[in-house]
């Protein structure tokens, strides 16, 4: 039972990162227009 929960958590994390990378690949133009070399965070004056 515990192993199944751990596997589900790992799969969820992997799918989350894959989905984020796919969104970045599918929509690179919006990020480039807003700011050059920024990940899209609101306070990016570091």
PDB file of N, CA and C in Angstrom:
ATOM      1  N   UNK A   1       0.838  -1.204   0.000  1.00  0.00           N
ATOM      2  CA  UNK A   1       0.000   0.000   0.000  1.00  0.00           C
ATOM      3  C   UNK A   1       0.874   1.256   0.000  1.00  0.00           C
ATOM      4  N   UNK A   2       1.887   1.256   0.859  1.00  0.00           N
ATOM      5  CA  UNK A   2       2.762   2.425   0.927  1.00  0.00           C
ATOM      6  C   UNK A   2       3.556   2.587  -0.361  1.00  0.00           C
ATOM      7  N   UNK A   3       4.000   1.467  -0.937  1.00  0.00           N
ATOM      8  CA  UNK A   3       4.766   1.549  -2.186  1.00  0.00           C
ATOM      9  C   UNK A   3       3.914   2.118  -3.312  1.00  0.00           C
ATOM     10  N   UNK A   4       2.635   1.761  -3.359  1.00  0.00           N
ATOM     11  CA  UNK A   4       1.764   2.288  -4.417  1.00  0.00           C
ATOM     12  C   UNK A   4       1.631   3.803  -4.302  1.00  0.00           C
ATOM     13  N   UNK A   5       1.511   4.296  -3.068  1.00  0.00           N
ATOM     14  CA  UNK A   5       1.397   5.745  -2.870  1.00  0.00           C
ATOM     15  C   UNK A   5       2.676   6.433  -3.327  1.00  0.00           C
ATOM     16  N   UNK A   6       3.836   5.854  -2.977  1.00  0.00           N
ATOM     17  CA  UNK A   6       5.114   6.453  -3.374  1.00  0.00           C
ATOM     18  C   UNK A   6       5.226   6.491  -4.891  1.00  0.00           C
ATOM     19  N   UNK A   7       4.836   5.411  -5.558  1.00  0.00           N
ATOM     20  CA  UNK A   7       4.905   5.371  -7.022  1.00  0.00           C
ATOM     21  C   UNK A   7       3.989   6.432  -7.619  1.00  0.00           C
ATOM     22  N   UNK A   8       2.785   6.575  -7.074  1.00  0.00           N
ATOM     23  CA  UNK A   8       1.861   7.592  -7.592  1.00  0.00           C
ATOM     24  C   UNK A   8       2.441   8.996  -7.415  1.00  0.00           C
ATOM     25  N   UNK A   9       3.083   9.252  -6.289  1.00  0.00           N
ATOM     26  CA  UNK A   9       3.680  10.572  -6.056  1.00  0.00           C
ATOM     27  C   UNK A   9       4.799  10.824  -7.061  1.00  0.00           C
ATOM     28  N   UNK A  10       5.661   9.821  -7.283  1.00  0.00           N
ATOM     29  CA  UNK A  10       6.769   9.988  -8.232  1.00  0.00           C
ATOM     30  C   UNK A  10       6.228  10.234  -9.633  1.00  0.00           C
ATOM     31  N   UNK A  11       5.229   9.461 -10.045  1.00  0.00           N
ATOM     32  CA  UNK A  11       4.649   9.635 -11.383  1.00  0.00           C
ATOM     33  C   UNK A  11       4.031  11.023 -11.508  1.00  0.00           C
ATOM     34  N   UNK A  12       3.366  11.497 -10.461  1.00  0.00           N
ATOM     35  CA  UNK A  12       2.765  12.825 -10.509  1.00  0.00           C
ATOM     36  C   UNK A  12       3.818  13.914 -10.662  1.00  0.00           C
ATOM     37  N   UNK A  13       4.939  13.780  -9.937  1.00  0.00           N
ATOM     38  CA  UNK A  13       6.004  14.778 -10.053  1.00  0.00           C
ATOM     39  C   UNK A  13       6.595  14.762 -11.457  1.00  0.00           C
ATOM     40  N   UNK A  14       6.829  13.575 -12.006  1.00  0.00           N
ATOM     41  CA  UNK A  14       7.399  13.473 -13.355  1.00  0.00           C
ATOM     42  C   UNK A  14       6.452  14.101 -14.369  1.00  0.00           C
ATOM     43  N   UNK A  15       5.159  13.777 -14.262  1.00  0.00           N
ATOM     44  CA  UNK A  15       4.192  14.354 -15.206  1.00  0.00           C
ATOM     45  C   UNK A  15       4.143  15.875 -15.057  1.00  0.00           C
ATOM     46  N   UNK A  16       4.288  16.376 -13.832  1.00  0.00           N
ATOM     47  CA  UNK A  16       4.261  17.820 -13.614  1.00  0.00           C
ATOM     48  C   UNK A  16       5.421  18.504 -14.333  1.00  0.00           C
ATOM     49  N   UNK A  17       6.642  17.942 -14.182  1.00  0.00           N
ATOM     50  CA  UNK A  17       7.798  18.550 -14.837  1.00  0.00           C
ATOM     51  C   UNK A  17       7.710  18.415 -16.350  1.00  0.00           C
ATOM     52  N   UNK A  18       7.223  17.264 -16.842  1.00  0.00           N
ATOM     53  CA  UNK A  18       7.076  17.083 -18.290  1.00  0.00           C
ATOM     54  C   UNK A  18       6.066  18.086 -18.837  1.00  0.00           C
ATOM     55  N   UNK A  19       4.967  18.280 -18.128  1.00  0.00           N
ATOM     56  CA  UNK A  19       3.964  19.241 -18.581  1.00  0.00           C
ATOM     57  C   UNK A  19       4.522  20.655 -18.610  1.00  0.00           C
ATOM     58  N   UNK A  20       5.304  21.024 -17.595  1.00  0.00           N
ATOM     59  CA  UNK A  20       5.902  22.359 -17.593  1.00  0.00           C
ATOM     60  C   UNK A  20       6.834  22.533 -18.778  1.00  0.00           C
ATOM     61  N   UNK A  21       7.666  21.536 -19.061  1.00  0.00           N
ATOM     62  CA  UNK A  21       8.594  21.659 -20.185  1.00  0.00           C
ATOM     63  C   UNK A  21       7.841  21.729 -21.506  1.00  0.00           C
ATOM     64  N   UNK A  22       6.748  20.968 -21.627  1.00  0.00           N
ATOM     65  CA  UNK A  22       5.962  21.022 -22.865  1.00  0.00           C
ATOM     66  C   UNK A  22       5.330  22.398 -23.035  1.00  0.00           C
ATOM     67  N   UNK A  23       4.819  22.987 -21.958  1.00  0.00           N
ATOM     68  CA  UNK A  23       4.219  24.321 -22.056  1.00  0.00           C
ATOM     69  C   UNK A  23       5.277  25.335 -22.478  1.00  0.00           C
ATOM     70  N   UNK A  24       6.488  25.221 -21.939  1.00  0.00           N
ATOM     71  CA  UNK A  24       7.549  26.156 -22.322  1.00  0.00           C
ATOM     72  C   UNK A  24       7.918  25.976 -23.792  1.00  0.00           C
ATOM     73  N   UNK A  25       7.917  24.734 -24.287  1.00  0.00           N
ATOM     74  CA  UNK A  25       8.270  24.494 -25.686  1.00  0.00           C
ATOM     75  C   UNK A  25       7.163  24.978 -26.613  1.00  0.00           C
ATOM     76  N   UNK A  26       5.906  24.810 -26.194  1.00  0.00           N
ATOM     77  CA  UNK A  26       4.799  25.195 -27.069  1.00  0.00           C
ATOM     78  C   UNK A  26       4.587  26.705 -27.083  1.00  0.00           C
ATOM     79  N   UNK A  27       4.933  27.401 -25.996  1.00  0.00           N
ATOM     80  CA  UNK A  27       4.686  28.842 -25.936  1.00  0.00           C
ATOM     81  C   UNK A  27       5.958  29.619 -25.604  1.00  0.00           C
ATOM     82  N   UNK A  28       6.967  29.578 -26.474  1.00  0.00           N
ATOM     83  CA  UNK A  28       8.189  30.346 -26.182  1.00  0.00           C
ATOM     84  C   UNK A  28       8.078  31.809 -26.602  1.00  0.00           C
ATOM     85  N   UNK A  29       7.180  32.115 -27.552  1.00  0.00           N
ATOM     86  CA  UNK A  29       7.087  33.477 -28.082  1.00  0.00           C
ATOM     87  C   UNK A  29       6.583  34.448 -27.017  1.00  0.00           C
ATOM     88  N   UNK A  30       5.596  34.045 -26.234  1.00  0.00           N
ATOM     89  CA  UNK A  30       5.052  34.948 -25.219  1.00  0.00           C
ATOM     90  C   UNK A  30       6.132  35.339 -24.214  1.00  0.00           C
ATOM     91  N   UNK A  31       6.922  34.369 -23.756  1.00  0.00           N
ATOM     92  CA  UNK A  31       7.963  34.668 -22.777  1.00  0.00           C
ATOM     93  C   UNK A  31       9.017  35.596 -23.377  1.00  0.00           C
ATOM     94  N   UNK A  32       9.371  35.384 -24.654  1.00  0.00           N
ATOM     95  CA  UNK A  32      10.385  36.222 -25.283  1.00  0.00           C
ATOM     96  C   UNK A  32       9.887  37.657 -25.436  1.00  0.00           C
ATOM     97  N   UNK A  33       8.596  37.829 -25.734  1.00  0.00           N
ATOM     98  CA  UNK A  33       8.061  39.178 -25.914  1.00  0.00           C
ATOM     99  C   UNK A  33       8.025  39.931 -24.583  1.00  0.00           C
ATOM    100  N   UNK A  34       7.646  39.267 -23.525  1.00  0.00           N
ATOM    101  CA  UNK A  34       7.523  39.949 -22.235  1.00  0.00           C
ATOM    102  C   UNK A  34       8.890  40.368 -21.708  1.00  0.00           C
ATOM    103  N   UNK A  35       9.840  39.452 -21.707  1.00  0.00           N
ATOM    104  CA  UNK A  35      11.160  39.781 -21.183  1.00  0.00           C
ATOM    105  C   UNK A  35      12.192  38.826 -21.770  1.00  0.00           C
ATOM    106  N   UNK A  36      13.367  39.312 -22.040  1.00  0.00           N
ATOM    107  CA  UNK A  36      14.400  38.483 -22.659  1.00  0.00           C
ATOM    108  C   UNK A  36      15.197  37.762 -21.576  1.00  0.00           C
ATOM    109  N   UNK A  37      15.235  36.442 -21.639  1.00  0.00           N
ATOM    110  CA  UNK A  37      16.012  35.656 -20.702  1.00  0.00           C
ATOM    111  C   UNK A  37      15.391  35.548 -19.324  1.00  0.00           C
ATOM    112  N   UNK A  38      14.088  35.830 -19.194  1.00  0.00           N
ATOM    113  CA  UNK A  38      13.435  35.725 -17.892  1.00  0.00           C
ATOM    114  C   UNK A  38      12.432  34.582 -17.921  1.00  0.00           C
ATOM    115  N   UNK A  39      12.224  33.948 -16.780  1.00  0.00           N
ATOM    116  CA  UNK A  39      11.312  32.809 -16.721  1.00  0.00           C
ATOM    117  C   UNK A  39       9.857  33.249 -16.632  1.00  0.00           C
ATOM    118  N   UNK A  40       9.594  34.547 -16.552  1.00  0.00           N
ATOM    119  CA  UNK A  40       8.220  35.034 -16.499  1.00  0.00           C
ATOM    120  C   UNK A  40       7.751  35.391 -15.102  1.00  0.00           C
ATOM    121  N   UNK A  41       8.674  35.499 -14.150  1.00  0.00           N
ATOM    122  CA  UNK A  41       8.277  35.857 -12.792  1.00  0.00           C
ATOM    123  C   UNK A  41       7.966  37.349 -12.727  1.00  0.00           C
ATOM    124  N   UNK A  42       7.024  37.782 -11.888  1.00  0.00           N
ATOM    125  CA  UNK A  42       6.631  39.196 -11.848  1.00  0.00           C
ATOM    126  C   UNK A  42       7.747  40.100 -11.337  1.00  0.00           C
ATOM    127  N   UNK A  43       8.448  39.680 -10.276  1.00  0.00           N
ATOM    128  CA  UNK A  43       9.518  40.527  -9.740  1.00  0.00           C
ATOM    129  C   UNK A  43      10.866  39.977 -10.161  1.00  0.00           C
ATOM    130  N   UNK A  44      11.303  40.325 -11.386  1.00  0.00           N
ATOM    131  CA  UNK A  44      12.508  39.703 -11.935  1.00  0.00           C
ATOM    132  C   UNK A  44      13.646  40.709 -11.986  1.00  0.00           C
ATOM    133  N   UNK A  45      13.781  41.554 -10.974  1.00  0.00           N
ATOM    134  CA  UNK A  45      14.863  42.542 -10.982  1.00  0.00           C
ATOM    135  C   UNK A  45      16.046  42.110 -10.137  1.00  0.00           C
ATOM    136  N   UNK A  46      16.302  40.820 -10.051  1.00  0.00           N
ATOM    137  CA  UNK A  46      17.405  40.310  -9.230  1.00  0.00           C
ATOM    138  C   UNK A  46      18.740  40.640  -9.877  1.00  0.00           C
TER     139      UNK A  46
END
